[in-house]
């Protein structure tokens, strides 16, 4: 575990090798000067005070001030380098984690969970930064002071140094025990934090639904249950931490009592001077302070290691999908999309979301996809830009298997608009240009016009430069859908997929949108997923799904005659509309 942890850490810390060396080095210099202080104090007592030599006392006083100033300078310098290394390392780690998350497939994201990723990118990395900073400053300094104090005590009195050795040995055993207990304890705490984050996120995003169904108490109980579990785990981890200081104090106070008793006897016999006895006490006190620091450092390092390993779990997750790097040879075909005996399962061993799906879509065709809730409509169209891979069979775009395309090239062909319209913080212009970064205002105007979003732009005082809040919350659902459709149209894709993305539009706007899309000058292949038969009844071809299988393919009139599933959907809606 340790080797793997260090290997992964050094991947990012190697860019700050100089800072990682200078930080601990200046801390060691600070500690070195600190170790001389008890000897100077001993000289003041044994020579200056004993002889009443004020000039000697003053000279030694100046030495103490000099040692203090040098120590402060070394400490500040060490802090600077440690902070630079820890902040830089955590920044690179955060970038690497974020970049890797972008490479993960939808199935990977579904499996890991968004709350887990948020915790890794925020709390875990912050803990790594804090732990690394402390480690660079104290991991070498504290043991150096402890053993340095013991060596200095040995130079004063060999017998007294045995007390130091015994105290250090006992405390080393205590620290080792803390390591063994704290690492798994903090791992459990962080795992429970993931769960709490997920519950909080779900409750906040679904707060309206929760209140509409009067489920506030149920949600409170669920949160309280997991919060109680977190508290229990934190208390256990806290108990381990809480034992650090009292155990250290007890052991060292016993050591101090033994040392004072022994030193008193030695002073009375004339084996050591009063100043040397005070120096021995000061060295024992230094050991006390440093071991308390070191014990607390061990707790921080335990959290640091746990969080670093959790981050590495994500970074080392191999994406379920691998994309080619070379552009496939162009195929001379009039087929835009083809499914060949496609089966799809979200996870191994799960029920098939799609079974034996086969159809072709010609270039420039308008195709409707309809079916009941959960029948696999979104799953089917998600396979075209390769958000998910087929478990069996092939999905082809322009005669080439989607698995043979580089990611960017495949998705540049496709404009995909989801039902849940996502806008990003910035301006309307920024959001529309996602489809084409160098799009002109005239191109934006054209896309907005075809998406029936002209009134959305006019309603805002600043037009395209109007602000978009996070998730587009300053726009209605219908406005967000029209803007996301416009965003897809800006890039003029060869294939345009509307995945129930007009569900928030009224019938008149929906009809106007379909008419505009039909008359686009670049004639894209259009796929409309909808719950409304009115949205797809004029399509060149309609694919009806039921329980992940094709129930019928044909025109509106053909399906009314031959497909009971489609007929049932149409009649239920027609009667309702009538």
Protein backbone atom coordinates (compact mmCIF):
# COMPACT_ATOMS: atom_id res chain seq x y z
CA UNK A 1 0.00 0.00 0.00
CA UNK A 2 2.76 2.39 0.97
CA UNK A 3 4.75 1.81 -2.23
CA UNK A 4 1.67 2.35 -4.39
CA UNK A 5 0.74 5.48 -2.44
CA UNK A 6 4.22 6.99 -2.78
CA UNK A 7 4.42 6.08 -6.47
CA UNK A 8 1.11 7.79 -7.23
CA UNK A 9 2.00 10.83 -5.12
CA UNK A 10 5.38 11.35 -6.79
CA UNK A 11 3.72 11.41 -10.20
CA UNK A 12 2.45 14.88 -9.30
CA UNK A 13 5.02 15.94 -6.72
CA UNK A 14 7.95 15.45 -9.11
CA UNK A 15 7.18 18.83 -10.71
CA UNK A 16 8.00 20.43 -7.37
CA UNK A 17 11.11 18.45 -6.50
CA UNK A 18 13.14 21.53 -5.51
CA UNK A 19 10.38 22.85 -3.24
CA UNK A 20 9.85 19.40 -1.76
CA UNK A 21 13.54 19.26 -0.81
CA UNK A 22 13.97 22.86 0.36
CA UNK A 23 10.84 22.83 2.55
CA UNK A 24 11.98 19.98 4.82
CA UNK A 25 15.60 21.20 4.63
CA UNK A 26 14.77 24.60 6.09
CA UNK A 27 12.68 22.89 8.75
CA UNK A 28 15.70 20.77 9.69
CA UNK A 29 17.83 23.93 9.89
CA UNK A 30 15.24 25.46 12.20
CA UNK A 31 15.30 22.32 14.35
CA UNK A 32 19.10 22.30 14.43
CA UNK A 33 19.26 25.82 15.82
CA UNK A 34 16.49 24.94 18.29
CA UNK A 35 18.58 22.06 19.69
CA UNK A 36 21.35 24.46 20.70
CA UNK A 37 19.04 26.60 22.86
CA UNK A 38 19.12 24.33 25.98
CA UNK A 39 22.93 24.27 25.87
CA UNK A 40 23.08 28.09 25.76
CA UNK A 41 20.62 28.27 28.68
CA UNK A 42 22.80 25.77 30.59
CA UNK A 43 25.87 27.97 30.04
CA UNK A 44 23.97 31.01 31.31
CA UNK A 45 23.06 29.14 34.53
CA UNK A 46 26.40 27.42 35.08
CA UNK A 47 28.72 30.29 34.21
CA UNK A 48 26.86 33.57 33.87
CA UNK A 49 24.51 33.37 36.86
CA UNK A 50 26.85 31.31 39.02
CA UNK A 51 29.71 33.81 38.54
CA UNK A 52 27.52 36.91 38.34
CA UNK A 53 29.03 37.74 34.96
CA UNK A 54 26.49 40.11 33.39
CA UNK A 55 28.47 40.58 30.18
CA UNK A 56 28.57 36.79 29.69
CA UNK A 57 24.83 36.56 30.30
CA UNK A 58 24.20 39.40 27.81
CA UNK A 59 26.38 37.77 25.14
CA UNK A 60 24.53 34.48 25.53
CA UNK A 61 21.24 36.39 25.46
CA UNK A 62 22.22 37.84 22.09
CA UNK A 63 23.00 34.31 20.87
CA UNK A 64 19.51 33.18 21.95
CA UNK A 65 17.95 36.09 20.03
CA UNK A 66 20.04 35.23 16.96
CA UNK A 67 18.99 31.57 17.16
CA UNK A 68 15.35 32.65 17.46
CA UNK A 69 15.53 35.03 14.47
CA UNK A 70 17.28 32.45 12.30
CA UNK A 71 14.71 29.86 13.36
CA UNK A 72 11.81 32.14 12.40
CA UNK A 73 13.36 32.89 8.99
CA UNK A 74 13.92 29.19 8.35
CA UNK A 75 10.36 28.38 9.46
CA UNK A 76 8.78 30.99 7.16
CA UNK A 77 10.94 29.87 4.24
CA UNK A 78 10.01 26.23 4.86
CA UNK A 79 6.33 27.13 4.99
CA UNK A 80 6.64 28.97 1.67
CA UNK A 81 8.20 26.02 -0.13
CA UNK A 82 5.87 23.48 1.50
CA UNK A 83 2.81 25.54 0.55
CA UNK A 84 4.05 25.97 -3.02
CA UNK A 85 4.66 22.23 -3.41
CA UNK A 86 1.38 21.12 -1.76
CA UNK A 87 -0.81 23.63 -3.62
CA UNK A 88 0.90 22.89 -6.93
CA UNK A 89 0.70 19.14 -6.45
CA UNK A 90 -3.00 19.22 -5.48
CA UNK A 91 -3.75 21.48 -8.46
CA UNK A 92 -2.15 19.01 -10.87
CA UNK A 93 -3.92 16.15 -9.13
CA UNK A 94 -7.28 17.94 -9.43
CA UNK A 95 -6.67 18.60 -13.13
CA UNK A 96 -5.67 14.98 -13.74
CA UNK A 97 -8.76 13.69 -11.92
CA UNK A 98 -11.10 16.07 -13.75
CA UNK A 99 -9.56 15.19 -17.12
CA UNK A 100 -9.91 11.47 -16.39
CA UNK A 101 -13.55 11.91 -15.37
CA UNK A 102 -14.19 13.48 -18.78
CA UNK A 103 -12.86 10.29 -20.41
CA UNK A 104 -15.13 7.96 -18.45
CA UNK A 105 -18.12 6.50 -20.24
CA UNK A 106 -21.71 7.02 -19.17
CA UNK A 107 -21.72 3.50 -17.73
CA UNK A 108 -18.61 4.34 -15.66
CA UNK A 109 -20.27 7.50 -14.34
CA UNK A 110 -23.46 5.61 -13.54
CA UNK A 111 -21.46 3.01 -11.61
CA UNK A 112 -19.22 5.40 -9.65
CA UNK A 113 -21.88 8.04 -8.98
CA UNK A 114 -21.75 11.83 -9.27
CA UNK A 115 -21.67 12.49 -5.47
CA UNK A 116 -18.59 10.27 -5.15
CA UNK A 117 -16.80 12.19 -7.89
CA UNK A 118 -17.72 15.54 -6.31
CA UNK A 119 -16.30 14.39 -2.95
CA UNK A 120 -13.08 13.24 -4.64
CA UNK A 121 -12.65 16.53 -6.51
CA UNK A 122 -13.29 18.70 -3.45
CA UNK A 123 -12.93 17.32 0.06
CA UNK A 124 -10.46 14.54 -0.74
CA UNK A 125 -8.08 16.76 -2.72
CA UNK A 126 -8.25 19.47 -0.04
CA UNK A 127 -7.27 16.84 2.53
CA UNK A 128 -4.37 15.73 0.32
CA UNK A 129 -3.17 19.33 0.09
CA UNK A 130 -3.34 19.82 3.87
CA UNK A 131 -1.68 16.48 4.64
CA UNK A 132 1.11 17.04 2.14
CA UNK A 133 1.84 20.51 3.54
CA UNK A 134 2.13 19.15 7.08
CA UNK A 135 4.21 16.19 5.93
CA UNK A 136 6.76 18.36 4.15
CA UNK A 137 7.15 20.54 7.23
CA UNK A 138 7.01 18.05 10.09
CA UNK A 139 7.62 14.52 8.84
CA UNK A 140 11.40 14.90 9.03
CA UNK A 141 11.58 17.75 11.54
CA UNK A 142 9.84 16.02 14.43
CA UNK A 143 11.90 12.78 14.33
CA UNK A 144 15.04 14.90 13.86
CA UNK A 145 14.31 16.94 16.99
CA UNK A 146 13.39 13.81 18.97
CA UNK A 147 16.57 11.93 18.11
CA UNK A 148 18.63 15.12 18.15
CA UNK A 149 17.46 15.87 21.68
CA UNK A 150 18.34 12.32 22.70
CA UNK A 151 21.84 12.68 21.22
CA UNK A 152 22.34 16.03 22.96
CA UNK A 153 21.18 14.46 26.21
CA UNK A 154 23.69 11.65 25.64
CA UNK A 155 26.51 14.21 25.39
CA UNK A 156 25.45 15.66 28.75
CA UNK A 157 24.90 12.40 30.62
CA UNK A 158 24.93 8.91 29.17
CA UNK A 159 22.83 7.37 31.93
CA UNK A 160 20.10 10.02 31.63
CA UNK A 161 19.86 9.38 27.89
CA UNK A 162 18.54 5.86 28.65
CA UNK A 163 15.39 7.48 30.03
CA UNK A 164 15.01 9.35 26.74
CA UNK A 165 15.48 6.12 24.80
CA UNK A 166 12.83 4.29 26.81
CA UNK A 167 10.30 7.12 26.41
CA UNK A 168 10.87 7.29 22.64
CA UNK A 169 10.48 3.50 22.26
CA UNK A 170 7.15 3.46 24.12
CA UNK A 171 5.82 6.44 22.17
CA UNK A 172 6.91 4.90 18.86
CA UNK A 173 4.75 1.87 19.67
CA UNK A 174 1.82 4.17 20.48
CA UNK A 175 2.21 6.07 17.18
CA UNK A 176 2.40 2.82 15.21
CA UNK A 177 -0.82 1.65 16.87
CA UNK A 178 -2.50 4.93 15.91
CA UNK A 179 -1.55 4.38 12.28
CA UNK A 180 -3.03 0.88 12.23
CA UNK A 181 -6.30 2.07 13.73
CA UNK A 182 -6.78 5.42 12.06
CA UNK A 183 -6.34 4.57 8.35
CA UNK A 184 -9.32 2.16 8.05
CA UNK A 185 -11.38 4.35 10.39
CA UNK A 186 -10.98 7.44 8.22
CA UNK A 187 -11.61 5.39 5.07
CA UNK A 188 -15.02 4.45 6.48
CA UNK A 189 -15.71 8.09 7.37
CA UNK A 190 -14.96 9.25 3.82
CA UNK A 191 -17.15 6.49 2.38
CA UNK A 192 -20.08 7.59 4.54
CA UNK A 193 -19.47 11.18 3.43
CA UNK A 194 -20.00 10.03 -0.17
CA UNK A 195 -23.38 8.61 0.82
CA UNK A 196 -24.38 11.79 2.67
CA UNK A 197 -23.37 13.90 -0.34
CA UNK A 198 -25.50 11.75 -2.63
CA UNK A 199 -28.56 11.99 -0.36
CA UNK A 200 -28.15 15.76 0.01
CA UNK A 201 -27.80 16.28 -3.72
CA UNK A 202 -30.83 14.10 -4.47
CA UNK A 203 -32.97 15.85 -1.84
CA UNK A 204 -32.06 19.34 -3.01
CA UNK A 205 -32.58 18.66 -6.71
CA UNK A 206 -35.88 16.89 -6.01
CA UNK A 207 -37.09 19.21 -3.26
CA UNK A 208 -40.27 20.21 -5.14
CA UNK A 209 -41.27 16.58 -5.68
CA UNK A 210 -40.54 15.75 -2.04
CA UNK A 211 -42.79 18.57 -0.84
CA UNK A 212 -45.49 17.82 -3.39
CA UNK A 213 -45.79 14.28 -2.02
CA UNK A 214 -45.38 15.28 1.60
CA UNK A 215 -42.24 13.15 2.02
CA UNK A 216 -40.26 15.65 4.07
CA UNK A 217 -40.34 13.48 7.21
CA UNK A 218 -39.26 10.40 5.29
CA UNK A 219 -36.30 12.28 3.78
CA UNK A 220 -35.38 13.69 7.19
CA UNK A 221 -35.40 10.17 8.65
CA UNK A 222 -33.23 8.82 5.83
CA UNK A 223 -30.78 11.68 6.23
CA UNK A 224 -30.78 11.31 10.02
CA UNK A 225 -30.05 7.57 9.70
CA UNK A 226 -26.99 8.09 7.48
CA UNK A 227 -25.92 11.17 9.42
CA UNK A 228 -26.06 9.09 12.58
CA UNK A 229 -23.94 6.43 10.93
CA UNK A 230 -21.44 9.12 9.88
CA UNK A 231 -21.36 10.52 13.39
CA UNK A 232 -20.73 7.05 14.82
CA UNK A 233 -17.81 6.48 12.44
CA UNK A 234 -16.45 9.97 13.11
CA UNK A 235 -16.65 9.42 16.87
CA UNK A 236 -14.71 6.18 16.53
CA UNK A 237 -12.05 7.89 14.42
CA UNK A 238 -12.11 10.82 16.83
CA UNK A 239 -11.52 8.53 19.81
CA UNK A 240 -8.34 7.30 18.17
CA UNK A 241 -7.25 10.90 17.63
CA UNK A 242 -8.31 11.88 21.14
CA UNK A 243 -6.06 9.21 22.65
CA UNK A 244 -3.02 10.82 21.06
CA UNK A 245 -2.42 13.77 23.33
CA UNK A 246 -3.29 12.20 26.72
CA UNK A 247 -1.25 9.06 26.05
CA UNK A 248 1.69 11.16 24.90
CA UNK A 249 1.41 13.43 27.92
CA UNK A 250 1.17 10.53 30.37
CA UNK A 251 4.17 8.73 28.95
CA UNK A 252 6.29 11.84 28.72
CA UNK A 253 5.28 13.14 32.13
CA UNK A 254 6.35 9.81 33.60
CA UNK A 255 9.61 10.25 31.72
CA UNK A 256 10.00 13.81 33.05
CA UNK A 257 9.38 12.67 36.64
CA UNK A 258 11.99 9.95 36.27
CA UNK A 259 14.39 12.41 34.66
CA UNK A 260 13.94 15.07 37.36
CA UNK A 261 14.43 12.49 40.08
CA UNK A 262 17.55 11.13 38.43
CA UNK A 263 18.92 14.61 37.60
CA UNK A 264 18.40 15.75 41.19
CA UNK A 265 20.45 12.84 42.45
CA UNK A 266 23.16 13.54 39.87
CA UNK A 267 23.32 17.24 40.78
CA UNK A 268 23.65 16.36 44.48
CA UNK A 269 26.51 13.96 43.73
CA UNK A 270 28.18 16.49 41.47
CA UNK A 271 27.95 14.30 38.36
CA UNK A 272 26.13 17.05 36.44
CA UNK A 273 25.62 20.78 36.95
CA UNK A 274 22.35 22.58 37.60
CA UNK A 275 22.47 24.03 34.09
CA UNK A 276 22.91 20.57 32.59
CA UNK A 277 19.93 19.30 34.60
CA UNK A 278 17.84 22.18 33.21
CA UNK A 279 19.10 21.34 29.70
CA UNK A 280 18.04 17.71 30.12
CA UNK A 281 14.58 18.88 31.22
CA UNK A 282 14.37 21.24 28.20
CA UNK A 283 15.33 18.42 25.84
CA UNK A 284 12.65 16.21 27.35
CA UNK A 285 10.16 19.07 26.88
CA UNK A 286 11.24 19.43 23.23
CA UNK A 287 10.61 15.75 22.75
CA UNK A 288 7.18 16.14 24.34
CA UNK A 289 6.21 18.99 22.01
CA UNK A 290 7.54 17.29 18.89
CA UNK A 291 5.96 13.93 19.63
CA UNK A 292 2.58 15.57 20.17
CA UNK A 293 3.06 17.29 16.80
CA UNK A 294 4.14 14.01 15.23
CA UNK A 295 1.21 12.05 16.67
CA UNK A 296 -1.23 14.63 15.29
CA UNK A 297 0.70 14.54 12.02
CA UNK A 298 0.15 10.79 11.85
CA UNK A 299 -3.61 11.36 12.07
CA UNK A 300 -3.41 13.92 9.24
CA UNK A 301 -1.25 11.57 7.19
CA UNK A 302 -3.80 8.79 7.73
CA UNK A 303 -6.50 11.02 6.27
CA UNK A 304 -4.07 12.08 3.54
CA UNK A 305 -3.29 8.49 2.53
CA UNK A 306 -6.96 7.48 2.63
CA UNK A 307 -8.00 10.37 0.42
CA UNK A 308 -5.09 9.88 -1.99
CA UNK A 309 -5.98 6.21 -2.41
CA UNK A 310 -9.63 7.11 -2.99
CA UNK A 311 -8.59 9.56 -5.71
CA UNK A 312 -6.30 6.97 -7.28
CA UNK A 313 -9.18 4.50 -7.41
CA UNK A 314 -10.93 6.88 -9.82
CA UNK A 315 -7.82 7.80 -11.83
CA UNK A 316 -6.90 4.13 -12.24
CA UNK A 317 -10.40 3.25 -13.42
CA UNK A 318 -10.03 2.22 -17.03
CA UNK A 319 -12.76 3.76 -19.19
CA UNK A 320 -15.21 1.10 -20.35
CA UNK A 321 -14.85 2.51 -23.87
CA UNK A 322 -11.69 2.89 -25.90
CA UNK A 323 -11.73 5.16 -28.92
CA UNK A 324 -9.63 4.83 -32.04
CA UNK A 325 -7.16 7.56 -32.95
CA UNK A 326 -7.17 7.13 -36.73
CA UNK A 327 -9.97 8.30 -38.97
CA UNK A 328 -11.74 5.35 -40.65
CA UNK A 329 -11.91 5.09 -44.41
CA UNK A 330 -14.95 6.84 -45.88
CA UNK A 331 -17.74 4.58 -47.13
CA UNK A 332 -19.75 5.29 -50.25
CA UNK A 333 -23.22 4.74 -48.85
CA UNK A 334 -26.57 6.51 -48.64
CA UNK A 335 -27.19 4.96 -45.21
CA UNK A 336 -26.72 7.39 -42.32
CA UNK A 337 -27.38 4.98 -39.43
CA UNK A 338 -27.71 1.23 -39.21
CA UNK A 339 -28.36 -1.08 -36.26
CA UNK A 340 -27.42 -4.73 -36.81
CA UNK A 341 -28.87 -7.21 -34.30
CA UNK A 342 -28.03 -4.95 -31.37
CA UNK A 343 -28.39 -6.07 -27.75
CA UNK A 344 -27.48 -3.74 -24.91
CA UNK A 345 -27.07 -4.32 -21.16
CA UNK A 346 -26.07 -1.53 -18.79
CA UNK A 347 -24.16 -3.91 -16.52
CA UNK A 348 -22.98 -7.48 -16.84
CA UNK A 349 -25.66 -9.87 -15.73
CA UNK A 350 -28.44 -7.27 -15.87
CA UNK A 351 -31.57 -7.58 -17.99
CA UNK A 352 -31.19 -6.37 -21.56
CA UNK A 353 -32.26 -2.76 -22.10
CA UNK A 354 -32.43 -3.46 -25.85
CA UNK A 355 -32.78 -6.80 -27.64
CA UNK A 356 -32.29 -7.71 -31.30
CA UNK A 357 -32.57 -4.16 -32.66
CA UNK A 358 -32.12 -3.94 -36.45
CA UNK A 359 -33.03 -1.06 -38.79
CA UNK A 360 -31.52 1.40 -41.27
CA UNK A 361 -31.97 5.14 -41.66
CA UNK A 362 -31.16 6.80 -44.97
CA UNK A 363 -29.33 10.12 -45.17
CA UNK A 364 -31.74 13.04 -44.98
CA UNK A 365 -34.61 10.92 -43.57
CA UNK A 366 -36.77 12.03 -40.70
CA UNK A 367 -37.34 9.18 -38.27
CA UNK A 368 -39.60 9.11 -35.25
CA UNK A 369 -39.07 6.85 -32.23
CA UNK A 370 -41.96 6.21 -29.85
CA UNK A 371 -42.91 3.81 -27.10
CA UNK A 372 -43.93 3.59 -23.49
CA UNK A 373 -41.85 4.87 -20.60
CA UNK A 374 -38.77 2.70 -20.03
CA UNK A 375 -39.00 0.91 -23.36
CA UNK A 376 -35.43 1.88 -24.37
CA UNK A 377 -35.90 4.97 -26.58
CA UNK A 378 -33.16 7.05 -24.95
CA UNK A 379 -30.87 4.03 -24.70
CA UNK A 380 -31.23 3.42 -28.43
CA UNK A 381 -30.36 6.94 -29.56
CA UNK A 382 -27.57 7.19 -26.94
CA UNK A 383 -25.75 4.43 -28.79
CA UNK A 384 -25.45 6.48 -31.98
CA UNK A 385 -22.91 8.99 -30.54
CA UNK A 386 -21.54 6.04 -28.54
CA UNK A 387 -22.50 7.10 -25.05
CA UNK A 388 -23.05 3.38 -24.50
CA UNK A 389 -21.69 0.39 -26.40
CA UNK A 390 -23.67 -2.51 -27.78
CA UNK A 391 -23.29 -5.73 -25.83
CA UNK A 392 -23.94 -7.62 -29.04
CA UNK A 393 -24.25 -6.48 -32.63
CA UNK A 394 -23.11 -3.32 -34.41
CA UNK A 395 -24.13 0.34 -34.65
CA UNK A 396 -22.94 2.00 -37.86
CA UNK A 397 -22.78 5.67 -38.84
CA UNK A 398 -22.10 6.36 -42.52
CA UNK A 399 -21.34 2.66 -43.00
CA UNK A 400 -18.64 2.57 -40.28
CA UNK A 401 -18.93 0.92 -36.86
CA UNK A 402 -19.10 3.68 -34.22
CA UNK A 403 -16.33 1.84 -32.32
CA UNK A 404 -13.96 2.56 -35.22
CA UNK A 405 -14.36 6.35 -34.98
CA UNK A 406 -12.23 8.73 -32.94
CA UNK A 407 -14.49 10.28 -30.31
CA UNK A 408 -14.30 13.85 -31.62
CA UNK A 409 -14.90 12.87 -35.24
CA UNK A 410 -17.94 10.73 -34.44
CA UNK A 411 -19.59 13.33 -32.25
CA UNK A 412 -18.85 16.18 -34.65
CA UNK A 413 -21.27 14.48 -37.04
CA UNK A 414 -24.06 14.41 -34.46
CA UNK A 415 -26.15 17.06 -32.77
CA UNK A 416 -27.77 15.58 -29.65
CA UNK A 417 -30.45 17.41 -27.65
CA UNK A 418 -31.58 15.87 -24.38
CA UNK A 419 -34.99 16.16 -22.76
CA UNK A 420 -33.38 17.69 -19.70
CA UNK A 421 -31.96 20.79 -21.29
CA UNK A 422 -28.61 21.79 -19.80
CA UNK A 423 -27.34 25.35 -20.03
CA UNK A 424 -24.06 26.47 -18.51
CA UNK A 425 -23.20 29.58 -16.56
CA UNK A 426 -22.08 32.39 -18.82
CA UNK A 427 -23.99 34.16 -21.59
CA UNK A 428 -26.48 32.97 -24.18
CA UNK A 429 -23.78 33.53 -26.80
CA UNK A 430 -21.31 31.33 -24.88
CA UNK A 431 -23.86 28.52 -24.71
CA UNK A 432 -24.82 28.69 -28.37
CA UNK A 433 -21.19 28.66 -29.47
CA UNK A 434 -20.61 25.30 -27.83
CA UNK A 435 -21.74 23.86 -31.13
CA UNK A 436 -19.28 26.02 -33.10
CA UNK A 437 -16.81 28.26 -31.31
CA UNK A 438 -16.25 30.55 -34.31
CA UNK A 439 -19.93 30.95 -35.20
CA UNK A 440 -20.93 34.40 -36.43
CA UNK A 441 -23.97 36.32 -35.23
CA UNK A 442 -25.74 35.56 -38.51
CA UNK A 443 -25.20 31.84 -37.91
CA UNK A 444 -26.56 32.23 -34.40
CA UNK A 445 -29.56 34.13 -35.77
CA UNK A 446 -30.30 31.32 -38.22
CA UNK A 447 -30.08 28.62 -35.57
CA UNK A 448 -32.19 30.59 -33.08
CA UNK A 449 -34.83 31.25 -35.76
CA UNK A 450 -35.10 27.57 -36.71
CA UNK A 451 -35.25 26.57 -33.03
CA UNK A 452 -38.17 28.98 -32.45
CA UNK A 453 -36.10 30.82 -29.85
CA UNK A 454 -36.17 34.36 -31.29
CA UNK A 455 -38.60 35.53 -28.60
CA UNK A 456 -36.31 34.09 -25.90
CA UNK A 457 -33.45 36.30 -27.11
CA UNK A 458 -35.67 39.37 -27.53
CA UNK A 459 -37.07 38.97 -24.02
CA UNK A 460 -33.59 39.58 -22.60
CA UNK A 461 -32.25 43.13 -22.48
CA UNK A 462 -28.74 42.18 -23.56
CA UNK A 463 -29.69 39.77 -26.34
CA UNK A 464 -27.00 37.14 -26.94
CA UNK A 465 -24.89 38.67 -24.16
CA UNK A 466 -27.61 38.11 -21.54
CA UNK A 467 -26.44 36.17 -18.52
CA UNK A 468 -27.24 32.51 -18.06
CA UNK A 469 -27.24 31.37 -14.45
CA UNK A 470 -26.03 27.96 -13.34
CA UNK A 471 -28.11 25.19 -14.97
CA UNK A 472 -30.03 27.91 -16.81
CA UNK A 473 -32.32 28.45 -13.83
CA UNK A 474 -33.23 31.97 -15.01
CA UNK A 475 -34.99 30.41 -18.03
CA UNK A 476 -38.18 28.35 -18.20
CA UNK A 477 -38.11 24.70 -19.25
CA UNK A 478 -39.40 25.51 -22.74
CA UNK A 479 -36.87 28.33 -23.17
CA UNK A 480 -34.00 26.05 -22.15
CA UNK A 481 -35.13 23.38 -24.61
CA UNK A 482 -35.29 25.83 -27.52
CA UNK A 483 -31.86 27.26 -26.70
CA UNK A 484 -30.31 23.78 -26.51
CA UNK A 485 -31.89 22.91 -29.87
CA UNK A 486 -30.41 26.13 -31.28
CA UNK A 487 -27.02 25.16 -29.82
CA UNK A 488 -27.15 21.88 -31.72
CA UNK A 489 -28.25 23.59 -34.94
CA UNK A 490 -25.36 26.07 -34.90
CA UNK A 491 -22.86 23.33 -35.81
CA UNK A 492 -25.12 22.08 -38.67
CA UNK A 493 -24.73 18.39 -37.81
CA UNK A 494 -25.16 15.59 -40.33
CA UNK A 495 -27.35 13.77 -37.80
CA UNK A 496 -29.68 15.64 -35.44
CA UNK A 497 -31.18 13.72 -32.51
CA UNK A 498 -33.99 15.29 -30.48
CA UNK A 499 -34.51 13.06 -27.45
CA UNK A 500 -37.93 14.19 -26.27
CA UNK A 501 -36.39 17.67 -26.31
CA UNK A 502 -39.64 19.41 -27.28
CA UNK A 503 -41.64 17.98 -24.36
CA UNK A 504 -41.91 21.40 -22.67
CA UNK A 505 -43.12 23.15 -25.86
CA UNK A 506 -46.74 23.82 -26.65
CA UNK A 507 -48.24 22.10 -29.71
CA UNK A 508 -48.04 25.21 -31.91
CA UNK A 509 -44.34 25.82 -31.14
CA UNK A 510 -43.62 22.11 -31.57
CA UNK A 511 -45.28 22.13 -34.99
CA UNK A 512 -43.40 25.27 -36.05
CA UNK A 513 -40.13 23.68 -34.91
CA UNK A 514 -40.76 20.52 -36.92
CA UNK A 515 -41.62 22.56 -40.01
CA UNK A 516 -38.41 24.59 -39.65
CA UNK A 517 -36.31 21.45 -39.22
CA UNK A 518 -37.88 19.88 -42.30
CA UNK A 519 -36.87 22.89 -44.38
CA UNK A 520 -33.22 23.16 -43.25
CA UNK A 521 -31.04 23.81 -46.29
CA UNK A 522 -28.36 21.27 -45.29
CA UNK A 523 -30.92 18.43 -44.89
CA UNK A 524 -29.64 16.55 -41.81
CA UNK A 525 -30.79 13.08 -40.88
CA UNK A 526 -33.37 13.85 -38.20
CA UNK A 527 -34.31 11.51 -35.35
CA UNK A 528 -37.18 12.63 -33.10
CA UNK A 529 -37.83 10.74 -29.87
CA UNK A 530 -41.21 11.72 -28.49
CA UNK A 531 -44.12 10.62 -26.36
CA UNK A 532 -46.46 12.54 -28.70
CA UNK A 533 -47.65 10.86 -31.87
CA UNK A 534 -48.37 14.35 -33.25
CA UNK A 535 -44.62 15.10 -33.14
CA UNK A 536 -43.63 12.10 -35.27
CA UNK A 537 -46.68 11.14 -37.35
CA UNK A 538 -45.32 12.96 -40.41
CA UNK A 539 -41.90 11.31 -40.25
CA UNK A 540 -40.61 9.25 -43.16
CA UNK A 541 -40.32 6.28 -40.82
CA UNK A 542 -41.48 5.56 -37.27
CA UNK A 543 -39.82 2.99 -34.99
CA UNK A 544 -42.09 1.73 -32.21
CA UNK A 545 -40.46 0.13 -29.16
CA UNK A 546 -41.90 -2.09 -26.44
CA UNK A 547 -39.86 -3.56 -23.60
CA UNK A 548 -36.57 -2.96 -25.40
CA UNK A 549 -37.68 -4.61 -28.66
CA UNK A 550 -38.99 -3.28 -31.94
CA UNK A 551 -42.75 -3.63 -32.07
CA UNK A 552 -43.10 -2.09 -35.52
CA UNK A 553 -41.41 0.02 -38.20
CA UNK A 554 -43.24 2.00 -40.88
CA UNK A 555 -45.12 5.18 -41.66
CA UNK A 556 -47.90 6.51 -39.48
CA UNK A 557 -50.58 4.96 -41.66
CA UNK A 558 -48.77 1.62 -41.92
CA UNK A 559 -48.31 1.34 -38.16
CA UNK A 560 -51.94 2.18 -37.46
CA UNK A 561 -52.82 -0.87 -39.56
CA UNK A 562 -50.08 -3.28 -38.50
CA UNK A 563 -48.78 -2.32 -35.01
CA UNK A 564 -51.15 -2.66 -32.02
CA UNK A 565 -48.67 -0.87 -29.70
CA UNK A 566 -48.49 2.21 -31.91
CA UNK A 567 -52.23 2.20 -32.52
CA UNK A 568 -52.90 2.07 -28.79
CA UNK A 569 -50.59 5.03 -28.13
CA UNK A 570 -52.12 7.07 -30.95
CA UNK A 571 -55.73 6.38 -29.99
CA UNK A 572 -55.16 7.17 -26.32
CA UNK A 573 -53.63 10.53 -27.23
CA UNK A 574 -56.08 11.31 -30.00
CA UNK A 575 -59.05 10.80 -27.73
CA UNK A 576 -57.39 12.90 -25.08
CA UNK A 577 -56.67 15.71 -27.50
CA UNK A 578 -60.14 15.49 -28.99
